[in-house]
PDB file of N, CA and C in Angstrom:
ATOM      1  N   UNK A   1       0.882  -1.195   0.008  1.00  0.00           N
ATOM      2  CA  UNK A   1      -0.032   0.019   0.020  1.00  0.00           C
ATOM      3  C   UNK A   1       0.867   1.203   0.055  1.00  0.00           C
ATOM      4  N   UNK A   2       0.576   2.209  -0.863  1.00  0.00           N
ATOM      5  CA  UNK A   2       1.383   3.412  -0.985  1.00  0.00           C
ATOM      6  C   UNK A   2       1.139   4.293   0.249  1.00  0.00           C
ATOM      7  N   UNK A   3       2.172   4.982   0.620  1.00  0.00           N
ATOM      8  CA  UNK A   3       2.069   5.891   1.752  1.00  0.00           C
ATOM      9  C   UNK A   3       1.248   7.183   1.196  1.00  0.00           C
ATOM     10  N   UNK A   4       0.322   7.752   2.077  1.00  0.00           N
ATOM     11  CA  UNK A   4      -0.242   8.996   1.717  1.00  0.00           C
ATOM     12  C   UNK A   4       0.569  10.143   1.722  1.00  0.00           C
ATOM     13  N   UNK A   5       0.421  11.058   0.696  1.00  0.00           N
ATOM     14  CA  UNK A   5       1.180  12.284   0.787  1.00  0.00           C
ATOM     15  C   UNK A   5       0.529  13.172   1.857  1.00  0.00           C
ATOM     16  N   UNK A   6       1.354  13.909   2.523  1.00  0.00           N
ATOM     17  CA  UNK A   6       0.868  14.817   3.520  1.00  0.00           C
ATOM     18  C   UNK A   6       1.636  16.152   3.459  1.00  0.00           C
ATOM     19  N   UNK A   7       0.836  17.205   3.549  1.00  0.00           N
ATOM     20  CA  UNK A   7       1.340  18.597   3.557  1.00  0.00           C
ATOM     21  C   UNK A   7       1.024  19.195   4.947  1.00  0.00           C
ATOM     22  N   UNK A   8       1.900  19.791   5.551  1.00  0.00           N
ATOM     23  CA  UNK A   8       1.742  20.364   6.915  1.00  0.00           C
ATOM     24  C   UNK A   8       1.853  21.942   6.778  1.00  0.00           C
ATOM     25  N   UNK A   9       0.840  22.658   7.285  1.00  0.00           N
ATOM     26  CA  UNK A   9       0.966  24.058   7.481  1.00  0.00           C
ATOM     27  C   UNK A   9       1.163  24.194   8.982  1.00  0.00           C
ATOM     28  N   UNK A  10       2.254  24.896   9.382  1.00  0.00           N
ATOM     29  CA  UNK A  10       2.665  25.032  10.746  1.00  0.00           C
ATOM     30  C   UNK A  10       2.699  26.502  11.083  1.00  0.00           C
ATOM     31  N   UNK A  11       2.157  26.860  12.258  1.00  0.00           N
ATOM     32  CA  UNK A  11       2.232  28.180  12.696  1.00  0.00           C
ATOM     33  C   UNK A  11       2.877  28.180  14.117  1.00  0.00           C
ATOM     34  N   UNK A  12       3.911  29.036  14.280  1.00  0.00           N
ATOM     35  CA  UNK A  12       4.405  29.156  15.818  1.00  0.00           C
ATOM     36  C   UNK A  12       3.377  29.910  16.493  1.00  0.00           C
ATOM     37  N   UNK A  13       3.137  29.518  17.712  1.00  0.00           N
ATOM     38  CA  UNK A  13       2.144  30.204  18.616  1.00  0.00           C
ATOM     39  C   UNK A  13       2.810  31.377  19.237  1.00  0.00           C
ATOM     40  N   UNK A  14       2.189  32.508  19.162  1.00  0.00           N
ATOM     41  CA  UNK A  14       2.757  33.739  19.704  1.00  0.00           C
ATOM     42  C   UNK A  14       1.871  34.259  20.852  1.00  0.00           C
ATOM     43  N   UNK A  15       2.399  35.091  21.719  1.00  0.00           N
ATOM     44  CA  UNK A  15       1.631  35.593  22.776  1.00  0.00           C
ATOM     45  C   UNK A  15       0.469  36.362  22.169  1.00  0.00           C
ATOM     46  N   UNK A  16      -0.713  36.198  22.728  1.00  0.00           N
ATOM     47  CA  UNK A  16      -1.912  36.809  22.146  1.00  0.00           C
ATOM     48  C   UNK A  16      -2.698  36.067  21.164  1.00  0.00           C
ATOM     49  N   UNK A  17      -2.074  35.039  20.552  1.00  0.00           N
ATOM     50  CA  UNK A  17      -2.831  34.158  19.736  1.00  0.00           C
ATOM     51  C   UNK A  17      -3.911  33.415  20.350  1.00  0.00           C
ATOM     52  N   UNK A  18      -4.970  33.181  19.631  1.00  0.00           N
ATOM     53  CA  UNK A  18      -6.098  32.345  20.270  1.00  0.00           C
ATOM     54  C   UNK A  18      -6.261  31.121  19.370  1.00  0.00           C
ATOM     55  N   UNK A  19      -6.827  30.119  20.040  1.00  0.00           N
ATOM     56  CA  UNK A  19      -7.101  28.753  19.396  1.00  0.00           C
ATOM     57  C   UNK A  19      -8.286  29.151  18.340  1.00  0.00           C
ATOM     58  N   UNK A  20      -9.055  30.051  18.676  1.00  0.00           N
ATOM     59  CA  UNK A  20     -10.146  30.364  17.681  1.00  0.00           C
ATOM     60  C   UNK A  20      -9.674  30.983  16.440  1.00  0.00           C
ATOM     61  N   UNK A  21      -8.517  31.764  16.496  1.00  0.00           N
ATOM     62  CA  UNK A  21      -7.995  32.388  15.298  1.00  0.00           C
ATOM     63  C   UNK A  21      -7.368  31.224  14.389  1.00  0.00           C
ATOM     64  N   UNK A  22      -6.719  30.296  15.099  1.00  0.00           N
ATOM     65  CA  UNK A  22      -6.130  29.087  14.295  1.00  0.00           C
ATOM     66  C   UNK A  22      -7.243  28.273  13.710  1.00  0.00           C
ATOM     67  N   UNK A  23      -8.304  28.151  14.369  1.00  0.00           N
ATOM     68  CA  UNK A  23      -9.457  27.325  13.814  1.00  0.00           C
ATOM     69  C   UNK A  23     -10.031  27.978  12.637  1.00  0.00           C
ATOM     70  N   UNK A  24     -10.101  29.402  12.709  1.00  0.00           N
ATOM     71  CA  UNK A  24     -10.608  30.158  11.557  1.00  0.00           C
ATOM     72  C   UNK A  24      -9.731  30.008  10.390  1.00  0.00           C
ATOM     73  N   UNK A  25      -8.437  29.985  10.553  1.00  0.00           N
ATOM     74  CA  UNK A  25      -7.532  29.748   9.398  1.00  0.00           C
ATOM     75  C   UNK A  25      -7.737  28.334   8.888  1.00  0.00           C
ATOM     76  N   UNK A  26      -7.891  27.365   9.711  1.00  0.00           N
ATOM     77  CA  UNK A  26      -8.152  26.015   9.259  1.00  0.00           C
ATOM     78  C   UNK A  26      -9.484  25.958   8.515  1.00  0.00           C
ATOM     79  N   UNK A  27     -10.462  26.664   8.901  1.00  0.00           N
ATOM     80  CA  UNK A  27     -11.796  26.721   8.101  1.00  0.00           C
ATOM     81  C   UNK A  27     -11.541  27.342   6.752  1.00  0.00           C
ATOM     82  N   UNK A  28     -10.656  28.331   6.609  1.00  0.00           N
ATOM     83  CA  UNK A  28     -10.411  28.875   5.305  1.00  0.00           C
ATOM     84  C   UNK A  28      -9.690  27.910   4.430  1.00  0.00           C
ATOM     85  N   UNK A  29      -8.859  27.074   5.004  1.00  0.00           N
ATOM     86  CA  UNK A  29      -8.122  26.098   4.163  1.00  0.00           C
ATOM     87  C   UNK A  29      -9.123  24.983   3.725  1.00  0.00           C
ATOM     88  N   UNK A  30      -9.943  24.559   4.636  1.00  0.00           N
ATOM     89  CA  UNK A  30     -11.048  23.624   4.307  1.00  0.00           C
ATOM     90  C   UNK A  30     -11.779  24.143   3.143  1.00  0.00           C
ATOM     91  N   UNK A  31     -12.266  25.354   3.150  1.00  0.00           N
ATOM     92  CA  UNK A  31     -13.070  26.029   2.103  1.00  0.00           C
ATOM     93  C   UNK A  31     -12.301  25.999   0.799  1.00  0.00           C
ATOM     94  N   UNK A  32     -10.938  26.199   0.895  1.00  0.00           N
ATOM     95  CA  UNK A  32     -10.116  26.166  -0.284  1.00  0.00           C
ATOM     96  C   UNK A  32     -10.183  24.868  -1.145  1.00  0.00           C
ATOM     97  N   UNK A  33     -10.521  23.796  -0.559  1.00  0.00           N
ATOM     98  CA  UNK A  33     -10.499  22.543  -1.294  1.00  0.00           C
ATOM     99  C   UNK A  33     -11.931  21.851  -1.249  1.00  0.00           C
ATOM    100  N   UNK A  34     -12.940  22.514  -0.737  1.00  0.00           N
ATOM    101  CA  UNK A  34     -14.235  21.862  -0.757  1.00  0.00           C
ATOM    102  C   UNK A  34     -14.788  21.605  -2.173  1.00  0.00           C
ATOM    103  N   UNK A  35     -14.585  22.548  -2.988  1.00  0.00           N
ATOM    104  CA  UNK A  35     -15.169  22.428  -4.422  1.00  0.00           C
ATOM    105  C   UNK A  35     -14.312  21.740  -5.400  1.00  0.00           C
ATOM    106  N   UNK A  36     -12.979  21.945  -5.339  1.00  0.00           N
ATOM    107  CA  UNK A  36     -12.076  21.448  -6.375  1.00  0.00           C
ATOM    108  C   UNK A  36     -11.535  20.007  -6.015  1.00  0.00           C
ATOM    109  N   UNK A  37     -11.558  19.604  -4.782  1.00  0.00           N
ATOM    110  CA  UNK A  37     -11.128  18.297  -4.336  1.00  0.00           C
ATOM    111  C   UNK A  37      -9.777  17.866  -4.673  1.00  0.00           C
ATOM    112  N   UNK A  38      -8.826  18.949  -4.792  1.00  0.00           N
ATOM    113  CA  UNK A  38      -7.448  18.672  -5.056  1.00  0.00           C
ATOM    114  C   UNK A  38      -6.860  18.036  -3.823  1.00  0.00           C
ATOM    115  N   UNK A  39      -7.440  18.173  -2.660  1.00  0.00           N
ATOM    116  CA  UNK A  39      -6.866  17.668  -1.391  1.00  0.00           C
ATOM    117  C   UNK A  39      -7.892  17.587  -0.311  1.00  0.00           C
ATOM    118  N   UNK A  40      -7.594  16.897   0.678  1.00  0.00           N
ATOM    119  CA  UNK A  40      -8.445  16.745   1.883  1.00  0.00           C
ATOM    120  C   UNK A  40      -7.765  17.350   3.053  1.00  0.00           C
ATOM    121  N   UNK A  41      -8.473  18.219   3.747  1.00  0.00           N
ATOM    122  CA  UNK A  41      -7.939  18.772   5.062  1.00  0.00           C
ATOM    123  C   UNK A  41      -8.371  17.894   6.070  1.00  0.00           C
ATOM    124  N   UNK A  42      -7.466  17.244   6.871  1.00  0.00           N
ATOM    125  CA  UNK A  42      -7.789  16.309   7.844  1.00  0.00           C
ATOM    126  C   UNK A  42      -7.412  16.712   9.246  1.00  0.00           C
ATOM    127  N   UNK A  43      -7.799  17.794   9.667  1.00  0.00           N
ATOM    128  CA  UNK A  43      -7.662  18.256  11.001  1.00  0.00           C
ATOM    129  C   UNK A  43      -6.411  18.946  11.348  1.00  0.00           C
ATOM    130  N   UNK A  44      -6.085  19.045  12.693  1.00  0.00           N
ATOM    131  CA  UNK A  44      -5.040  19.762  13.251  1.00  0.00           C
ATOM    132  C   UNK A  44      -4.505  19.148  14.464  1.00  0.00           C
ATOM    133  N   UNK A  45      -3.344  19.682  14.900  1.00  0.00           N
ATOM    134  CA  UNK A  45      -2.918  19.463  16.314  1.00  0.00           C
ATOM    135  C   UNK A  45      -2.351  20.721  16.858  1.00  0.00           C
ATOM    136  N   UNK A  46      -2.247  20.777  18.159  1.00  0.00           N
ATOM    137  CA  UNK A  46      -1.852  22.035  18.822  1.00  0.00           C
ATOM    138  C   UNK A  46      -1.051  21.622  20.022  1.00  0.00           C
ATOM    139  N   UNK A  47       0.067  22.171  20.134  1.00  0.00           N
ATOM    140  CA  UNK A  47       0.939  21.874  21.322  1.00  0.00           C
ATOM    141  C   UNK A  47       2.368  22.135  21.019  1.00  0.00           C
ATOM    142  N   UNK A  48       3.253  22.007  21.993  1.00  0.00           N
ATOM    143  CA  UNK A  48       4.707  22.265  21.788  1.00  0.00           C
ATOM    144  C   UNK A  48       4.959  23.636  21.110  1.00  0.00           C
ATOM    145  N   UNK A  49       4.047  24.621  21.359  1.00  0.00           N
ATOM    146  CA  UNK A  49       4.369  25.967  20.766  1.00  0.00           C
ATOM    147  C   UNK A  49       3.939  26.120  19.299  1.00  0.00           C
ATOM    148  N   UNK A  50       3.241  25.049  18.695  1.00  0.00           N
ATOM    149  CA  UNK A  50       2.877  25.188  17.284  1.00  0.00           C
ATOM    150  C   UNK A  50       1.436  24.707  17.104  1.00  0.00           C
ATOM    151  N   UNK A  51       0.908  25.170  15.983  1.00  0.00           N
ATOM    152  CA  UNK A  51      -0.422  24.714  15.550  1.00  0.00           C
ATOM    153  C   UNK A  51      -0.211  24.211  14.126  1.00  0.00           C
ATOM    154  N   UNK A  52      -0.578  22.904  13.872  1.00  0.00           N
ATOM    155  CA  UNK A  52      -0.413  22.242  12.556  1.00  0.00           C
ATOM    156  C   UNK A  52      -1.704  21.924  11.964  1.00  0.00           C
ATOM    157  N   UNK A  53      -1.804  22.148  10.684  1.00  0.00           N
ATOM    158  CA  UNK A  53      -2.946  21.801   9.864  1.00  0.00           C
ATOM    159  C   UNK A  53      -2.435  20.729   8.862  1.00  0.00           C
ATOM    160  N   UNK A  54      -3.217  19.529   8.808  1.00  0.00           N
ATOM    161  CA  UNK A  54      -2.787  18.469   8.036  1.00  0.00           C
ATOM    162  C   UNK A  54      -3.620  18.410   6.642  1.00  0.00           C
ATOM    163  N   UNK A  55      -2.979  18.323   5.555  1.00  0.00           N
ATOM    164  CA  UNK A  55      -3.664  18.307   4.165  1.00  0.00           C
ATOM    165  C   UNK A  55      -3.078  17.145   3.480  1.00  0.00           C
ATOM    166  N   UNK A  56      -4.012  16.399   2.759  1.00  0.00           N
ATOM    167  CA  UNK A  56      -3.671  15.192   1.994  1.00  0.00           C
ATOM    168  C   UNK A  56      -3.960  15.414   0.569  1.00  0.00           C
ATOM    169  N   UNK A  57      -2.955  15.783  -0.169  1.00  0.00           N
ATOM    170  CA  UNK A  57      -3.207  16.051  -1.689  1.00  0.00           C
ATOM    171  C   UNK A  57      -3.633  14.712  -2.359  1.00  0.00           C
ATOM    172  N   UNK A  58      -4.510  14.902  -3.353  1.00  0.00           N
ATOM    173  CA  UNK A  58      -5.025  13.727  -4.078  1.00  0.00           C
ATOM    174  C   UNK A  58      -4.233  13.543  -5.445  1.00  0.00           C
ATOM    175  N   UNK A  59      -3.369  14.544  -5.775  1.00  0.00           N
ATOM    176  CA  UNK A  59      -2.667  14.445  -6.959  1.00  0.00           C
ATOM    177  C   UNK A  59      -1.309  15.148  -6.870  1.00  0.00           C
ATOM    178  N   UNK A  60      -0.961  15.973  -7.801  1.00  0.00           N
ATOM    179  CA  UNK A  60       0.243  16.685  -7.735  1.00  0.00           C
ATOM    180  C   UNK A  60       0.369  17.695  -6.533  1.00  0.00           C
ATOM    181  N   UNK A  61       1.546  17.910  -6.035  1.00  0.00           N
ATOM    182  CA  UNK A  61       1.728  18.882  -5.002  1.00  0.00           C
ATOM    183  C   UNK A  61       1.467  20.332  -5.427  1.00  0.00           C
ATOM    184  N   UNK A  62       1.875  20.677  -6.608  1.00  0.00           N
ATOM    185  CA  UNK A  62       1.889  22.007  -7.078  1.00  0.00           C
ATOM    186  C   UNK A  62       0.545  22.795  -6.875  1.00  0.00           C
ATOM    187  N   UNK A  63      -0.553  22.288  -7.415  1.00  0.00           N
ATOM    188  CA  UNK A  63      -1.820  22.977  -7.257  1.00  0.00           C
ATOM    189  C   UNK A  63      -2.267  23.159  -5.785  1.00  0.00           C
ATOM    190  N   UNK A  64      -1.953  22.188  -4.955  1.00  0.00           N
ATOM    191  CA  UNK A  64      -2.347  22.230  -3.617  1.00  0.00           C
ATOM    192  C   UNK A  64      -1.464  23.305  -2.865  1.00  0.00           C
ATOM    193  N   UNK A  65      -0.198  23.292  -3.120  1.00  0.00           N
ATOM    194  CA  UNK A  65       0.614  24.174  -2.390  1.00  0.00           C
ATOM    195  C   UNK A  65       0.247  25.632  -2.895  1.00  0.00           C
ATOM    196  N   UNK A  66       0.068  25.956  -4.151  1.00  0.00           N
ATOM    197  CA  UNK A  66      -0.268  27.189  -4.622  1.00  0.00           C
ATOM    198  C   UNK A  66      -1.607  27.730  -4.077  1.00  0.00           C
ATOM    199  N   UNK A  67      -2.552  26.822  -3.942  1.00  0.00           N
ATOM    200  CA  UNK A  67      -3.821  27.128  -3.400  1.00  0.00           C
ATOM    201  C   UNK A  67      -3.693  27.509  -1.878  1.00  0.00           C
ATOM    202  N   UNK A  68      -2.995  26.728  -1.202  1.00  0.00           N
ATOM    203  CA  UNK A  68      -2.782  27.037   0.282  1.00  0.00           C
ATOM    204  C   UNK A  68      -2.135  28.475   0.409  1.00  0.00           C
ATOM    205  N   UNK A  69      -1.045  28.667  -0.374  1.00  0.00           N
ATOM    206  CA  UNK A  69      -0.316  29.968  -0.271  1.00  0.00           C
ATOM    207  C   UNK A  69      -1.358  31.062  -0.573  1.00  0.00           C
ATOM    208  N   UNK A  70      -2.109  30.886  -1.671  1.00  0.00           N
ATOM    209  CA  UNK A  70      -2.925  32.032  -2.118  1.00  0.00           C
ATOM    210  C   UNK A  70      -4.022  32.351  -0.926  1.00  0.00           C
ATOM    211  N   UNK A  71      -4.616  31.265  -0.406  1.00  0.00           N
ATOM    212  CA  UNK A  71      -5.611  31.521   0.777  1.00  0.00           C
ATOM    213  C   UNK A  71      -4.927  32.170   1.955  1.00  0.00           C
ATOM    214  N   UNK A  72      -3.756  31.675   2.344  1.00  0.00           N
ATOM    215  CA  UNK A  72      -3.090  32.243   3.440  1.00  0.00           C
ATOM    216  C   UNK A  72      -2.726  33.681   3.153  1.00  0.00           C
ATOM    217  N   UNK A  73      -2.220  34.008   2.042  1.00  0.00           N
ATOM    218  CA  UNK A  73      -1.950  35.423   1.659  1.00  0.00           C
ATOM    219  C   UNK A  73      -3.156  36.287   1.803  1.00  0.00           C
ATOM    220  N   UNK A  74      -4.323  35.823   1.229  1.00  0.00           N
ATOM    221  CA  UNK A  74      -5.482  36.482   1.189  1.00  0.00           C
ATOM    222  C   UNK A  74      -5.957  36.854   2.654  1.00  0.00           C
ATOM    223  N   UNK A  75      -5.737  36.037   3.570  1.00  0.00           N
ATOM    224  CA  UNK A  75      -6.203  36.179   4.953  1.00  0.00           C
ATOM    225  C   UNK A  75      -5.074  36.810   5.869  1.00  0.00           C
ATOM    226  N   UNK A  76      -3.853  37.102   5.206  1.00  0.00           N
ATOM    227  CA  UNK A  76      -2.764  37.677   5.916  1.00  0.00           C
ATOM    228  C   UNK A  76      -1.983  36.871   6.863  1.00  0.00           C
ATOM    229  N   UNK A  77      -1.999  35.546   6.589  1.00  0.00           N
ATOM    230  CA  UNK A  77      -1.291  34.542   7.449  1.00  0.00           C
ATOM    231  C   UNK A  77      -0.092  33.940   6.686  1.00  0.00           C
ATOM    232  N   UNK A  78       0.148  34.247   5.484  1.00  0.00           N
ATOM    233  CA  UNK A  78       1.227  33.532   4.797  1.00  0.00           C
ATOM    234  C   UNK A  78       2.601  33.838   5.433  1.00  0.00           C
ATOM    235  N   UNK A  79       2.799  35.043   5.857  1.00  0.00           N
ATOM    236  CA  UNK A  79       4.085  35.337   6.496  1.00  0.00           C
ATOM    237  C   UNK A  79       4.336  34.607   7.733  1.00  0.00           C
ATOM    238  N   UNK A  80       3.280  34.114   8.336  1.00  0.00           N
ATOM    239  CA  UNK A  80       3.444  33.359   9.652  1.00  0.00           C
ATOM    240  C   UNK A  80       3.570  31.790   9.412  1.00  0.00           C
ATOM    241  N   UNK A  81       3.385  31.395   8.177  1.00  0.00           N
ATOM    242  CA  UNK A  81       3.285  29.950   7.902  1.00  0.00           C
ATOM    243  C   UNK A  81       4.554  29.294   7.490  1.00  0.00           C
ATOM    244  N   UNK A  82       4.735  28.080   7.933  1.00  0.00           N
ATOM    245  CA  UNK A  82       5.743  27.179   7.460  1.00  0.00           C
ATOM    246  C   UNK A  82       5.033  26.130   6.785  1.00  0.00           C
ATOM    247  N   UNK A  83       5.249  25.778   5.558  1.00  0.00           N
ATOM    248  CA  UNK A  83       4.685  24.685   4.826  1.00  0.00           C
ATOM    249  C   UNK A  83       5.626  23.612   4.446  1.00  0.00           C
ATOM    250  N   UNK A  84       5.371  22.365   4.825  1.00  0.00           N
ATOM    251  CA  UNK A  84       6.274  21.314   4.628  1.00  0.00           C
ATOM    252  C   UNK A  84       5.550  20.118   4.054  1.00  0.00           C
ATOM    253  N   UNK A  85       6.284  19.337   3.205  1.00  0.00           N
ATOM    254  CA  UNK A  85       5.686  18.089   2.731  1.00  0.00           C
ATOM    255  C   UNK A  85       6.411  16.919   3.216  1.00  0.00           C
ATOM    256  N   UNK A  86       5.695  15.877   3.568  1.00  0.00           N
ATOM    257  CA  UNK A  86       6.268  14.674   4.078  1.00  0.00           C
ATOM    258  C   UNK A  86       6.874  13.873   2.975  1.00  0.00           C
ATOM    259  N   UNK A  87       8.049  13.331   3.222  1.00  0.00           N
ATOM    260  CA  UNK A  87       8.780  12.603   2.242  1.00  0.00           C
ATOM    261  C   UNK A  87       8.643  11.059   2.559  1.00  0.00           C
ATOM    262  N   UNK A  88       8.868  10.268   1.609  1.00  0.00           N
ATOM    263  CA  UNK A  88       8.765   8.844   1.845  1.00  0.00           C
ATOM    264  C   UNK A  88       9.835   8.277   2.867  1.00  0.00           C
ATOM    265  N   UNK A  89      10.913   9.079   3.098  1.00  0.00           N
ATOM    266  CA  UNK A  89      11.890   8.751   4.025  1.00  0.00           C
ATOM    267  C   UNK A  89      11.538   9.019   5.517  1.00  0.00           C
ATOM    268  N   UNK A  90      10.373   9.666   5.548  1.00  0.00           N
ATOM    269  CA  UNK A  90       9.786  10.036   6.918  1.00  0.00           C
ATOM    270  C   UNK A  90      10.308  11.428   7.358  1.00  0.00           C
ATOM    271  N   UNK A  91      11.084  12.059   6.479  1.00  0.00           N
ATOM    272  CA  UNK A  91      11.604  13.425   6.820  1.00  0.00           C
ATOM    273  C   UNK A  91      10.637  14.435   6.199  1.00  0.00           C
ATOM    274  N   UNK A  92      10.890  15.698   6.478  1.00  0.00           N
ATOM    275  CA  UNK A  92      10.123  16.910   6.032  1.00  0.00           C
ATOM    276  C   UNK A  92      10.957  17.687   5.130  1.00  0.00           C
ATOM    277  N   UNK A  93      10.262  18.160   4.020  1.00  0.00           N
ATOM    278  CA  UNK A  93      10.857  19.146   3.169  1.00  0.00           C
ATOM    279  C   UNK A  93      10.106  20.345   3.252  1.00  0.00           C
ATOM    280  N   UNK A  94      10.664  21.493   3.826  1.00  0.00           N
ATOM    281  CA  UNK A  94      10.063  22.801   3.940  1.00  0.00           C
ATOM    282  C   UNK A  94      10.109  23.418   2.620  1.00  0.00           C
ATOM    283  N   UNK A  95       8.879  23.775   2.077  1.00  0.00           N
ATOM    284  CA  UNK A  95       8.777  24.431   0.832  1.00  0.00           C
ATOM    285  C   UNK A  95       8.282  25.838   0.832  1.00  0.00           C
ATOM    286  N   UNK A  96       7.945  26.284   2.041  1.00  0.00           N
ATOM    287  CA  UNK A  96       7.655  27.700   2.336  1.00  0.00           C
ATOM    288  C   UNK A  96       7.956  27.971   3.770  1.00  0.00           C
ATOM    289  N   UNK A  97       8.642  29.019   4.093  1.00  0.00           N
ATOM    290  CA  UNK A  97       9.146  30.079   3.200  1.00  0.00           C
ATOM    291  C   UNK A  97      10.331  29.624   2.316  1.00  0.00           C
ATOM    292  N   UNK A  98      10.540  30.255   1.284  1.00  0.00           N
ATOM    293  CA  UNK A  98      11.702  29.949   0.448  1.00  0.00           C
ATOM    294  C   UNK A  98      12.990  30.276   1.201  1.00  0.00           C
ATOM    295  N   UNK A  99      13.950  29.407   1.182  1.00  0.00           N
ATOM    296  CA  UNK A  99      15.229  29.560   1.943  1.00  0.00           C
ATOM    297  C   UNK A  99      15.078  29.282   3.349  1.00  0.00           C
ATOM    298  N   UNK A 100      14.060  28.598   3.758  1.00  0.00           N
ATOM    299  CA  UNK A 100      13.933  28.208   5.236  1.00  0.00           C
ATOM    300  C   UNK A 100      15.054  27.583   5.678  1.00  0.00           C
ATOM    301  N   UNK A 101      15.580  27.943   6.958  1.00  0.00           N
ATOM    302  CA  UNK A 101      16.674  27.312   7.568  1.00  0.00           C
ATOM    303  C   UNK A 101      16.222  26.917   8.937  1.00  0.00           C
ATOM    304  N   UNK A 102      16.696  25.829   9.333  1.00  0.00           N
ATOM    305  CA  UNK A 102      16.351  25.323  10.695  1.00  0.00           C
ATOM    306  C   UNK A 102      15.666  24.004  10.617  1.00  0.00           C
ATOM    307  N   UNK A 103      15.380  23.383  11.700  1.00  0.00           N
ATOM    308  CA  UNK A 103      14.790  22.022  11.777  1.00  0.00           C
ATOM    309  C   UNK A 103      13.251  22.231  11.773  1.00  0.00           C
ATOM    310  N   UNK A 104      12.635  21.288  11.086  1.00  0.00           N
ATOM    311  CA  UNK A 104      11.139  21.172  11.039  1.00  0.00           C
ATOM    312  C   UNK A 104      10.723  19.917  11.683  1.00  0.00           C
ATOM    313  N   UNK A 105       9.749  19.994  12.557  1.00  0.00           N
ATOM    314  CA  UNK A 105       9.147  18.815  13.079  1.00  0.00           C
ATOM    315  C   UNK A 105       7.765  19.011  13.595  1.00  0.00           C
ATOM    316  N   UNK A 106       7.097  17.889  13.942  1.00  0.00           N
ATOM    317  CA  UNK A 106       5.781  18.098  14.389  1.00  0.00           C
ATOM    318  C   UNK A 106       5.805  17.974  16.024  1.00  0.00           C
TER     319      UNK A 106
END
């Protein structure tokens, strides 16, 4: 059985952030894929100072990533997002922001 592709949108939690604000962003991402079915948004987790949204692409990565970035930009959250895709090796490849340095983990 092939392993499912997974895309993670991760936000560092800052002072003053609310769980409701993160849920609202997750709702925006759900709406981004409700009609075109490029991907499925499959929940979130919260802890260790981060909020993660899990997305499972149904096809190519490109259209999913571009749609996520467009919706986050529209809502003013793109500059706070780190977007990574899961690799078959079990590691993560950060694809946004460009030139990301540092370790990524869940």
